Amino acid sequence: MNRDNKDNLGDAMRDYILNEAASRDRTFAFPLLQRIVRNWFSRRYLRKLEEFDDYILSDIGLTRADLRHGQSLPHDVDPIAELLRFRDRCTVRGQRRS
């Protein structure tokens, strides 16, 4: 599978996941509120990760700047999903770009 096909597959999977999340949101009475609360819990998790040492964060593929970026995203955006997407984009053959 060449690079373009992988990018297209990644885009298709991301679109599928976003559509799936949007359809699940419609089943709740207050979808935006539900998403904001879920993302608030994700931000709490990121704040707990800030307590880890830099070498542990490096082992899981994150930096302190990544954590700050995740917490600065709008409240209706899932910070963990965005960080994972960013990490996957920056990973080249198992090594993260500096």
PDB file of N, CA and C in Angstrom:
ATOM      1  N   MET A   1       0.859  -1.175   0.000  1.00  0.00           N
ATOM      2  CA  MET A   1       0.000   0.000   0.000  1.00  0.00           C
ATOM      3  C   MET A   1       0.900   1.231   0.000  1.00  0.00           C
ATOM      4  N   ASN A   2       0.705   2.102  -0.968  1.00  0.00           N
ATOM      5  CA  ASN A   2       1.576   3.269  -1.028  1.00  0.00           C
ATOM      6  C   ASN A   2       1.077   4.380  -0.105  1.00  0.00           C
ATOM      7  N   ARG A   3       1.870   5.426   0.005  1.00  0.00           N
ATOM      8  CA  ARG A   3       1.602   6.523   0.955  1.00  0.00           C
ATOM      9  C   ARG A   3       0.269   7.213   0.673  1.00  0.00           C
ATOM     10  N   ASP A   4      -0.064   7.452  -0.625  1.00  0.00           N
ATOM     11  CA  ASP A   4      -1.317   8.134  -0.964  1.00  0.00           C
ATOM     12  C   ASP A   4      -2.528   7.310  -0.551  1.00  0.00           C
ATOM     13  N   ASN A   5      -2.458   5.998  -0.763  1.00  0.00           N
ATOM     14  CA  ASN A   5      -3.571   5.141  -0.362  1.00  0.00           C
ATOM     15  C   ASN A   5      -3.746   5.131   1.150  1.00  0.00           C
ATOM     16  N   LYS A   6      -2.624   5.150   1.882  1.00  0.00           N
ATOM     17  CA  LYS A   6      -2.706   5.189   3.342  1.00  0.00           C
ATOM     18  C   LYS A   6      -3.329   6.497   3.808  1.00  0.00           C
ATOM     19  N   ASP A   7      -2.943   7.621   3.172  1.00  0.00           N
ATOM     20  CA  ASP A   7      -3.518   8.915   3.533  1.00  0.00           C
ATOM     21  C   ASP A   7      -5.011   8.934   3.235  1.00  0.00           C
ATOM     22  N   ASN A   8      -5.405   8.402   2.079  1.00  0.00           N
ATOM     23  CA  ASN A   8      -6.821   8.360   1.736  1.00  0.00           C
ATOM     24  C   ASN A   8      -7.587   7.467   2.693  1.00  0.00           C
ATOM     25  N   LEU A   9      -6.998   6.344   3.057  1.00  0.00           N
ATOM     26  CA  LEU A   9      -7.643   5.442   4.007  1.00  0.00           C
ATOM     27  C   LEU A   9      -7.781   6.131   5.361  1.00  0.00           C
ATOM     28  N   GLY A  10      -6.748   6.857   5.776  1.00  0.00           N
ATOM     29  CA  GLY A  10      -6.806   7.587   7.044  1.00  0.00           C
ATOM     30  C   GLY A  10      -7.883   8.654   7.022  1.00  0.00           C
ATOM     31  N   ASP A  11      -7.992   9.373   5.898  1.00  0.00           N
ATOM     32  CA  ASP A  11      -9.036  10.391   5.766  1.00  0.00           C
ATOM     33  C   ASP A  11     -10.414   9.758   5.803  1.00  0.00           C
ATOM     34  N   ALA A  12     -10.568   8.625   5.125  1.00  0.00           N
ATOM     35  CA  ALA A  12     -11.864   7.944   5.107  1.00  0.00           C
ATOM     36  C   ALA A  12     -12.239   7.455   6.502  1.00  0.00           C
ATOM     37  N   MET A  13     -11.265   6.903   7.225  1.00  0.00           N
ATOM     38  CA  MET A  13     -11.540   6.429   8.583  1.00  0.00           C
ATOM     39  C   MET A  13     -11.892   7.592   9.507  1.00  0.00           C
ATOM     40  N   ARG A  14     -11.177   8.720   9.382  1.00  0.00           N
ATOM     41  CA  ARG A  14     -11.480   9.883  10.206  1.00  0.00           C
ATOM     42  C   ARG A  14     -12.885  10.393   9.919  1.00  0.00           C
ATOM     43  N   ASP A  15     -13.259  10.462   8.629  1.00  0.00           N
ATOM     44  CA  ASP A  15     -14.601  10.899   8.272  1.00  0.00           C
ATOM     45  C   ASP A  15     -15.657   9.946   8.819  1.00  0.00           C
ATOM     46  N   TYR A  16     -15.382   8.644   8.747  1.00  0.00           N
ATOM     47  CA  TYR A  16     -16.314   7.654   9.275  1.00  0.00           C
ATOM     48  C   TYR A  16     -16.501   7.850  10.784  1.00  0.00           C
ATOM     49  N   ILE A  17     -15.401   8.043  11.495  1.00  0.00           N
ATOM     50  CA  ILE A  17     -15.474   8.209  12.945  1.00  0.00           C
ATOM     51  C   ILE A  17     -16.225   9.481  13.307  1.00  0.00           C
ATOM     52  N   LEU A  18     -15.962  10.568  12.584  1.00  0.00           N
ATOM     53  CA  LEU A  18     -16.671  11.818  12.864  1.00  0.00           C
ATOM     54  C   LEU A  18     -18.162  11.676  12.593  1.00  0.00           C
ATOM     55  N   ASN A  19     -18.518  11.011  11.490  1.00  0.00           N
ATOM     56  CA  ASN A  19     -19.937  10.798  11.194  1.00  0.00           C
ATOM     57  C   ASN A  19     -20.585   9.903  12.235  1.00  0.00           C
ATOM     58  N   GLU A  20     -19.862   8.892  12.668  1.00  0.00           N
ATOM     59  CA  GLU A  20     -20.375   7.984  13.699  1.00  0.00           C
ATOM     60  C   GLU A  20     -20.596   8.743  15.005  1.00  0.00           C
ATOM     61  N   ALA A  21     -19.651   9.597  15.366  1.00  0.00           N
ATOM     62  CA  ALA A  21     -19.786  10.384  16.594  1.00  0.00           C
ATOM     63  C   ALA A  21     -20.958  11.356  16.485  1.00  0.00           C
ATOM     64  N   ALA A  22     -21.128  11.966  15.313  1.00  0.00           N
ATOM     65  CA  ALA A  22     -22.241  12.897  15.128  1.00  0.00           C
ATOM     66  C   ALA A  22     -23.581  12.177  15.232  1.00  0.00           C
ATOM     67  N   SER A  23     -23.668  10.978  14.689  1.00  0.00           N
ATOM     68  CA  SER A  23     -24.937  10.252  14.765  1.00  0.00           C
ATOM     69  C   SER A  23     -25.209   9.807  16.202  1.00  0.00           C
ATOM     70  N   ARG A  24     -24.178   9.440  16.947  1.00  0.00           N
ATOM     71  CA  ARG A  24     -24.373   9.085  18.354  1.00  0.00           C
ATOM     72  C   ARG A  24     -24.796  10.292  19.158  1.00  0.00           C
ATOM     73  N   ASP A  25     -24.232  11.471  18.815  1.00  0.00           N
ATOM     74  CA  ASP A  25     -24.609  12.699  19.521  1.00  0.00           C
ATOM     75  C   ASP A  25     -26.086  13.018  19.333  1.00  0.00           C
ATOM     76  N   ARG A  26     -26.634  12.701  18.173  1.00  0.00           N
ATOM     77  CA  ARG A  26     -28.042  13.010  17.911  1.00  0.00           C
ATOM     78  C   ARG A  26     -28.990  12.173  18.762  1.00  0.00           C
ATOM     79  N   THR A  27     -28.519  11.061  19.318  1.00  0.00           N
ATOM     80  CA  THR A  27     -29.393  10.216  20.119  1.00  0.00           C
ATOM     81  C   THR A  27     -29.574  10.757  21.530  1.00  0.00           C
ATOM     82  N   PHE A  28     -28.735  11.699  21.948  1.00  0.00           N
ATOM     83  CA  PHE A  28     -28.859  12.291  23.269  1.00  0.00           C
ATOM     84  C   PHE A  28     -29.698  13.564  23.193  1.00  0.00           C
ATOM     85  N   ALA A  29     -30.326  13.905  24.308  1.00  0.00           N
ATOM     86  CA  ALA A  29     -31.167  15.106  24.334  1.00  0.00           C
ATOM     87  C   ALA A  29     -30.336  16.375  24.170  1.00  0.00           C
ATOM     88  N   PHE A  30     -29.151  16.384  24.754  1.00  0.00           N
ATOM     89  CA  PHE A  30     -28.282  17.553  24.686  1.00  0.00           C
ATOM     90  C   PHE A  30     -26.893  17.120  24.213  1.00  0.00           C
ATOM     91  N   PRO A  31     -26.735  16.888  22.906  1.00  0.00           N
ATOM     92  CA  PRO A  31     -25.471  16.325  22.411  1.00  0.00           C
ATOM     93  C   PRO A  31     -24.256  17.210  22.658  1.00  0.00           C
ATOM     94  N   LEU A  32     -24.413  18.514  22.497  1.00  0.00           N
ATOM     95  CA  LEU A  32     -23.268  19.396  22.708  1.00  0.00           C
ATOM     96  C   LEU A  32     -22.825  19.356  24.169  1.00  0.00           C
ATOM     97  N   LEU A  33     -23.782  19.379  25.072  1.00  0.00           N
ATOM     98  CA  LEU A  33     -23.460  19.310  26.489  1.00  0.00           C
ATOM     99  C   LEU A  33     -22.760  17.987  26.827  1.00  0.00           C
ATOM    100  N   GLN A  34     -23.259  16.904  26.258  1.00  0.00           N
ATOM    101  CA  GLN A  34     -22.663  15.595  26.500  1.00  0.00           C
ATOM    102  C   GLN A  34     -21.226  15.551  25.989  1.00  0.00           C
ATOM    103  N   ARG A  35     -20.977  16.117  24.813  1.00  0.00           N
ATOM    104  CA  ARG A  35     -19.634  16.134  24.236  1.00  0.00           C
ATOM    105  C   ARG A  35     -18.700  17.013  25.067  1.00  0.00           C
ATOM    106  N   ILE A  36     -19.186  18.155  25.538  1.00  0.00           N
ATOM    107  CA  ILE A  36     -18.360  19.055  26.341  1.00  0.00           C
ATOM    108  C   ILE A  36     -17.977  18.396  27.660  1.00  0.00           C
ATOM    109  N   VAL A  37     -18.925  17.708  28.292  1.00  0.00           N
ATOM    110  CA  VAL A  37     -18.623  17.025  29.551  1.00  0.00           C
ATOM    111  C   VAL A  37     -17.605  15.906  29.321  1.00  0.00           C
ATOM    112  N   ARG A  38     -17.788  15.138  28.247  1.00  0.00           N
ATOM    113  CA  ARG A  38     -16.837  14.061  27.934  1.00  0.00           C
ATOM    114  C   ARG A  38     -15.442  14.641  27.687  1.00  0.00           C
ATOM    115  N   ASN A  39     -15.377  15.762  26.976  1.00  0.00           N
ATOM    116  CA  ASN A  39     -14.083  16.383  26.699  1.00  0.00           C
ATOM    117  C   ASN A  39     -13.476  17.013  27.957  1.00  0.00           C
ATOM    118  N   TRP A  40     -14.331  17.456  28.883  1.00  0.00           N
ATOM    119  CA  TRP A  40     -13.838  17.992  30.150  1.00  0.00           C
ATOM    120  C   TRP A  40     -13.109  16.890  30.920  1.00  0.00           C
ATOM    121  N   PHE A  41     -13.683  15.677  30.916  1.00  0.00           N
ATOM    122  CA  PHE A  41     -13.014  14.552  31.570  1.00  0.00           C
ATOM    123  C   PHE A  41     -11.687  14.233  30.876  1.00  0.00           C
ATOM    124  N   SER A  42     -11.647  14.357  29.568  1.00  0.00           N
ATOM    125  CA  SER A  42     -10.400  14.124  28.828  1.00  0.00           C
ATOM    126  C   SER A  42      -9.343  15.147  29.228  1.00  0.00           C
ATOM    127  N   ARG A  43      -9.749  16.388  29.414  1.00  0.00           N
ATOM    128  CA  ARG A  43      -8.803  17.427  29.826  1.00  0.00           C
ATOM    129  C   ARG A  43      -8.284  17.161  31.240  1.00  0.00           C
ATOM    130  N   ARG A  44      -9.139  16.654  32.110  1.00  0.00           N
ATOM    131  CA  ARG A  44      -8.693  16.283  33.453  1.00  0.00           C
ATOM    132  C   ARG A  44      -7.628  15.197  33.365  1.00  0.00           C
ATOM    133  N   TYR A  45      -7.829  14.262  32.470  1.00  0.00           N
ATOM    134  CA  TYR A  45      -6.853  13.194  32.269  1.00  0.00           C
ATOM    135  C   TYR A  45      -5.518  13.774  31.785  1.00  0.00           C
ATOM    136  N   LEU A  46      -5.579  14.737  30.868  1.00  0.00           N
ATOM    137  CA  LEU A  46      -4.348  15.369  30.380  1.00  0.00           C
ATOM    138  C   LEU A  46      -3.631  16.105  31.505  1.00  0.00           C
ATOM    139  N   ARG A  47      -4.391  16.754  32.390  1.00  0.00           N
ATOM    140  CA  ARG A  47      -3.754  17.440  33.520  1.00  0.00           C
ATOM    141  C   ARG A  47      -3.040  16.446  34.433  1.00  0.00           C
ATOM    142  N   LYS A  48      -3.612  15.249  34.583  1.00  0.00           N
ATOM    143  CA  LYS A  48      -2.942  14.227  35.390  1.00  0.00           C
ATOM    144  C   LYS A  48      -1.655  13.757  34.711  1.00  0.00           C
ATOM    145  N   LEU A  49      -1.661  13.713  33.378  1.00  0.00           N
ATOM    146  CA  LEU A  49      -0.451  13.313  32.658  1.00  0.00           C
ATOM    147  C   LEU A  49       0.684  14.319  32.854  1.00  0.00           C
ATOM    148  N   GLU A  50       0.354  15.580  33.123  1.00  0.00           N
ATOM    149  CA  GLU A  50       1.392  16.588  33.338  1.00  0.00           C
ATOM    150  C   GLU A  50       2.236  16.287  34.571  1.00  0.00           C
ATOM    151  N   GLU A  51       1.726  15.450  35.476  1.00  0.00           N
ATOM    152  CA  GLU A  51       2.479  15.091  36.669  1.00  0.00           C
ATOM    153  C   GLU A  51       3.596  14.088  36.366  1.00  0.00           C
ATOM    154  N   PHE A  52       3.538  13.448  35.194  1.00  0.00           N
ATOM    155  CA  PHE A  52       4.543  12.449  34.838  1.00  0.00           C
ATOM    156  C   PHE A  52       5.861  13.123  34.471  1.00  0.00           C
ATOM    157  N   ASP A  53       6.938  12.369  34.627  1.00  0.00           N
ATOM    158  CA  ASP A  53       8.252  12.855  34.215  1.00  0.00           C
ATOM    159  C   ASP A  53       8.330  12.888  32.690  1.00  0.00           C
ATOM    160  N   ASP A  54       9.280  13.685  32.189  1.00  0.00           N
ATOM    161  CA  ASP A  54       9.425  13.830  30.738  1.00  0.00           C
ATOM    162  C   ASP A  54       9.750  12.513  30.049  1.00  0.00           C
ATOM    163  N   TYR A  55      10.550  11.666  30.685  1.00  0.00           N
ATOM    164  CA  TYR A  55      10.902  10.402  30.028  1.00  0.00           C
ATOM    165  C   TYR A  55       9.698   9.467  29.926  1.00  0.00           C
ATOM    166  N   ILE A  56       8.781   9.538  30.883  1.00  0.00           N
ATOM    167  CA  ILE A  56       7.570   8.717  30.792  1.00  0.00           C
ATOM    168  C   ILE A  56       6.670   9.246  29.678  1.00  0.00           C
ATOM    169  N   LEU A  57       6.538  10.560  29.604  1.00  0.00           N
ATOM    170  CA  LEU A  57       5.742  11.145  28.517  1.00  0.00           C
ATOM    171  C   LEU A  57       6.341  10.769  27.163  1.00  0.00           C
ATOM    172  N   SER A  58       7.668  10.787  27.087  1.00  0.00           N
ATOM    173  CA  SER A  58       8.335  10.412  25.839  1.00  0.00           C
ATOM    174  C   SER A  58       8.052   8.962  25.481  1.00  0.00           C
ATOM    175  N   ASP A  59       7.984   8.098  26.494  1.00  0.00           N
ATOM    176  CA  ASP A  59       7.687   6.690  26.245  1.00  0.00           C
ATOM    177  C   ASP A  59       6.304   6.493  25.626  1.00  0.00           C
ATOM    178  N   ILE A  60       5.357   7.343  25.991  1.00  0.00           N
ATOM    179  CA  ILE A  60       4.015   7.204  25.416  1.00  0.00           C
ATOM    180  C   ILE A  60       3.821   8.104  24.200  1.00  0.00           C
ATOM    181  N   GLY A  61       4.896   8.779  23.798  1.00  0.00           N
ATOM    182  CA  GLY A  61       4.862   9.549  22.556  1.00  0.00           C
ATOM    183  C   GLY A  61       4.298  10.946  22.691  1.00  0.00           C
ATOM    184  N   LEU A  62       4.393  11.527  23.883  1.00  0.00           N
ATOM    185  CA  LEU A  62       3.879  12.878  24.102  1.00  0.00           C
ATOM    186  C   LEU A  62       4.965  13.774  24.679  1.00  0.00           C
ATOM    187  N   THR A  63       4.752  15.066  24.534  1.00  0.00           N
ATOM    188  CA  THR A  63       5.617  16.052  25.172  1.00  0.00           C
ATOM    189  C   THR A  63       4.727  16.972  26.003  1.00  0.00           C
ATOM    190  N   ARG A  64       5.348  17.778  26.816  1.00  0.00           N
ATOM    191  CA  ARG A  64       4.562  18.746  27.602  1.00  0.00           C
ATOM    192  C   ARG A  64       3.866  19.751  26.684  1.00  0.00           C
ATOM    193  N   ALA A  65       4.507  20.088  25.580  1.00  0.00           N
ATOM    194  CA  ALA A  65       3.884  21.002  24.615  1.00  0.00           C
ATOM    195  C   ALA A  65       2.628  20.369  24.017  1.00  0.00           C
ATOM    196  N   ASP A  66       2.672  19.061  23.767  1.00  0.00           N
ATOM    197  CA  ASP A  66       1.482  18.371  23.264  1.00  0.00           C
ATOM    198  C   ASP A  66       0.344  18.465  24.270  1.00  0.00           C
ATOM    199  N   LEU A  67       0.658  18.280  25.539  1.00  0.00           N
ATOM    200  CA  LEU A  67      -0.369  18.353  26.573  1.00  0.00           C
ATOM    201  C   LEU A  67      -0.967  19.751  26.658  1.00  0.00           C
ATOM    202  N   ARG A  68      -0.113  20.766  26.588  1.00  0.00           N
ATOM    203  CA  ARG A  68      -0.624  22.144  26.613  1.00  0.00           C
ATOM    204  C   ARG A  68      -1.490  22.427  25.392  1.00  0.00           C
ATOM    205  N   HIS A  69      -1.067  21.918  24.229  1.00  0.00           N
ATOM    206  CA  HIS A  69      -1.859  22.109  23.016  1.00  0.00           C
ATOM    207  C   HIS A  69      -3.229  21.438  23.160  1.00  0.00           C
ATOM    208  N   GLY A  70      -3.256  20.235  23.704  1.00  0.00           N
ATOM    209  CA  GLY A  70      -4.517  19.526  23.893  1.00  0.00           C
ATOM    210  C   GLY A  70      -5.474  20.267  24.811  1.00  0.00           C
ATOM    211  N   GLN A  71      -4.925  20.901  25.825  1.00  0.00           N
ATOM    212  CA  GLN A  71      -5.777  21.634  26.755  1.00  0.00           C
ATOM    213  C   GLN A  71      -6.219  22.984  26.198  1.00  0.00           C
ATOM    214  N   SER A  72      -5.544  23.470  25.179  1.00  0.00           N
ATOM    215  CA  SER A  72      -5.915  24.774  24.609  1.00  0.00           C
ATOM    216  C   SER A  72      -6.944  24.661  23.491  1.00  0.00           C
ATOM    217  N   LEU A  73      -7.318  23.449  23.121  1.00  0.00           N
ATOM    218  CA  LEU A  73      -8.302  23.262  22.057  1.00  0.00           C
ATOM    219  C   LEU A  73      -9.684  23.705  22.519  1.00  0.00           C
ATOM    220  N   PRO A  74     -10.581  24.026  21.590  1.00  0.00           N
ATOM    221  CA  PRO A  74     -11.953  24.385  21.982  1.00  0.00           C
ATOM    222  C   PRO A  74     -12.609  23.254  22.779  1.00  0.00           C
ATOM    223  N   HIS A  75     -13.565  23.599  23.615  1.00  0.00           N
ATOM    224  CA  HIS A  75     -14.166  22.624  24.519  1.00  0.00           C
ATOM    225  C   HIS A  75     -14.998  21.562  23.823  1.00  0.00           C
ATOM    226  N   ASP A  76     -15.415  21.804  22.594  1.00  0.00           N
ATOM    227  CA  ASP A  76     -16.206  20.780  21.906  1.00  0.00           C
ATOM    228  C   ASP A  76     -15.330  19.829  21.086  1.00  0.00           C
ATOM    229  N   VAL A  77     -13.998  19.975  21.181  1.00  0.00           N
ATOM    230  CA  VAL A  77     -13.051  19.100  20.478  1.00  0.00           C
ATOM    231  C   VAL A  77     -12.442  18.141  21.493  1.00  0.00           C
ATOM    232  N   ASP A  78     -12.401  16.857  21.153  1.00  0.00           N
ATOM    233  CA  ASP A  78     -11.805  15.859  22.032  1.00  0.00           C
ATOM    234  C   ASP A  78     -10.286  15.999  21.986  1.00  0.00           C
ATOM    235  N   PRO A  79      -9.668  16.441  23.084  1.00  0.00           N
ATOM    236  CA  PRO A  79      -8.221  16.700  23.046  1.00  0.00           C
ATOM    237  C   PRO A  79      -7.388  15.429  22.866  1.00  0.00           C
ATOM    238  N   ILE A  80      -7.842  14.323  23.419  1.00  0.00           N
ATOM    239  CA  ILE A  80      -7.062  13.088  23.311  1.00  0.00           C
ATOM    240  C   ILE A  80      -7.071  12.577  21.876  1.00  0.00           C
ATOM    241  N   ALA A  81      -8.222  12.624  21.222  1.00  0.00           N
ATOM    242  CA  ALA A  81      -8.292  12.195  19.824  1.00  0.00           C
ATOM    243  C   ALA A  81      -7.415  13.080  18.945  1.00  0.00           C
ATOM    244  N   GLU A  82      -7.410  14.366  19.210  1.00  0.00           N
ATOM    245  CA  GLU A  82      -6.572  15.281  18.425  1.00  0.00           C
ATOM    246  C   GLU A  82      -5.090  15.019  18.662  1.00  0.00           C
ATOM    247  N   LEU A  83      -4.700  14.747  19.907  1.00  0.00           N
ATOM    248  CA  LEU A  83      -3.297  14.450  20.187  1.00  0.00           C
ATOM    249  C   LEU A  83      -2.864  13.154  19.520  1.00  0.00           C
ATOM    250  N   LEU A  84      -3.731  12.152  19.537  1.00  0.00           N
ATOM    251  CA  LEU A  84      -3.399  10.893  18.868  1.00  0.00           C
ATOM    252  C   LEU A  84      -3.256  11.093  17.370  1.00  0.00           C
ATOM    253  N   ARG A  85      -4.146  11.881  16.789  1.00  0.00           N
ATOM    254  CA  ARG A  85      -4.062  12.161  15.358  1.00  0.00           C
ATOM    255  C   ARG A  85      -2.775  12.917  15.034  1.00  0.00           C
ATOM    256  N   PHE A  86      -2.427  13.886  15.872  1.00  0.00           N
ATOM    257  CA  PHE A  86      -1.199  14.657  15.667  1.00  0.00           C
ATOM    258  C   PHE A  86       0.024  13.761  15.803  1.00  0.00           C
ATOM    259  N   ARG A  87       0.032  12.883  16.824  1.00  0.00           N
ATOM    260  CA  ARG A  87       1.157  11.978  17.037  1.00  0.00           C
ATOM    261  C   ARG A  87       1.325  11.031  15.857  1.00  0.00           C
ATOM    262  N   ASP A  88       0.219  10.514  15.340  1.00  0.00           N
ATOM    263  CA  ASP A  88       0.295   9.597  14.198  1.00  0.00           C
ATOM    264  C   ASP A  88       0.823  10.308  12.952  1.00  0.00           C
ATOM    265  N   ARG A  89       0.451  11.568  12.773  1.00  0.00           N
ATOM    266  CA  ARG A  89       0.944  12.327  11.634  1.00  0.00           C
ATOM    267  C   ARG A  89       2.432  12.602  11.744  1.00  0.00           C
ATOM    268  N   CYS A  90       2.931  12.779  12.970  1.00  0.00           N
ATOM    269  CA  CYS A  90       4.333  13.138  13.172  1.00  0.00           C
ATOM    270  C   CYS A  90       5.242  11.927  13.312  1.00  0.00           C
ATOM    271  N   THR A  91       4.681  10.747  13.310  1.00  0.00           N
ATOM    272  CA  THR A  91       5.480   9.544  13.485  1.00  0.00           C
ATOM    273  C   THR A  91       5.955   9.034  12.136  1.00  0.00           C
ATOM    274  N   VAL A  92       7.251   8.789  12.036  1.00  0.00           N
ATOM    275  CA  VAL A  92       7.831   8.256  10.815  1.00  0.00           C
ATOM    276  C   VAL A  92       8.557   6.970  11.170  1.00  0.00           C
ATOM    277  N   ARG A  93       8.042   5.852  10.681  1.00  0.00           N
ATOM    278  CA  ARG A  93       8.657   4.539  10.914  1.00  0.00           C
ATOM    279  C   ARG A  93       8.984   4.298  12.382  1.00  0.00           C
ATOM    280  N   GLY A  94       8.040   4.607  13.234  1.00  0.00           N
ATOM    281  CA  GLY A  94       8.209   4.317  14.642  1.00  0.00           C
ATOM    282  C   GLY A  94       8.991   5.342  15.426  1.00  0.00           C
ATOM    283  N   GLN A  95       9.502   6.394  14.748  1.00  0.00           N
ATOM    284  CA  GLN A  95      10.259   7.416  15.469  1.00  0.00           C
ATOM    285  C   GLN A  95       9.571   8.748  15.284  1.00  0.00           C
ATOM    286  N   ARG A  96       9.413   9.445  16.364  1.00  0.00           N
ATOM    287  CA  ARG A  96       8.766  10.741  16.309  1.00  0.00           C
ATOM    288  C   ARG A  96       9.740  11.799  15.815  1.00  0.00           C
ATOM    289  N   ARG A  97       9.219  12.665  14.966  1.00  0.00           N
ATOM    290  CA  ARG A  97      10.064  13.774  14.501  1.00  0.00           C
ATOM    291  C   ARG A  97      10.305  14.764  15.619  1.00  0.00           C
ATOM    292  N   SER A  98      11.475  15.383  15.632  1.00  0.00           N
ATOM    293  CA  SER A  98      11.764  16.364  16.681  1.00  0.00           C
ATOM    294  C   SER A  98      11.269  17.717  16.275  1.00  0.00           C
TER     295      SER A  98
END
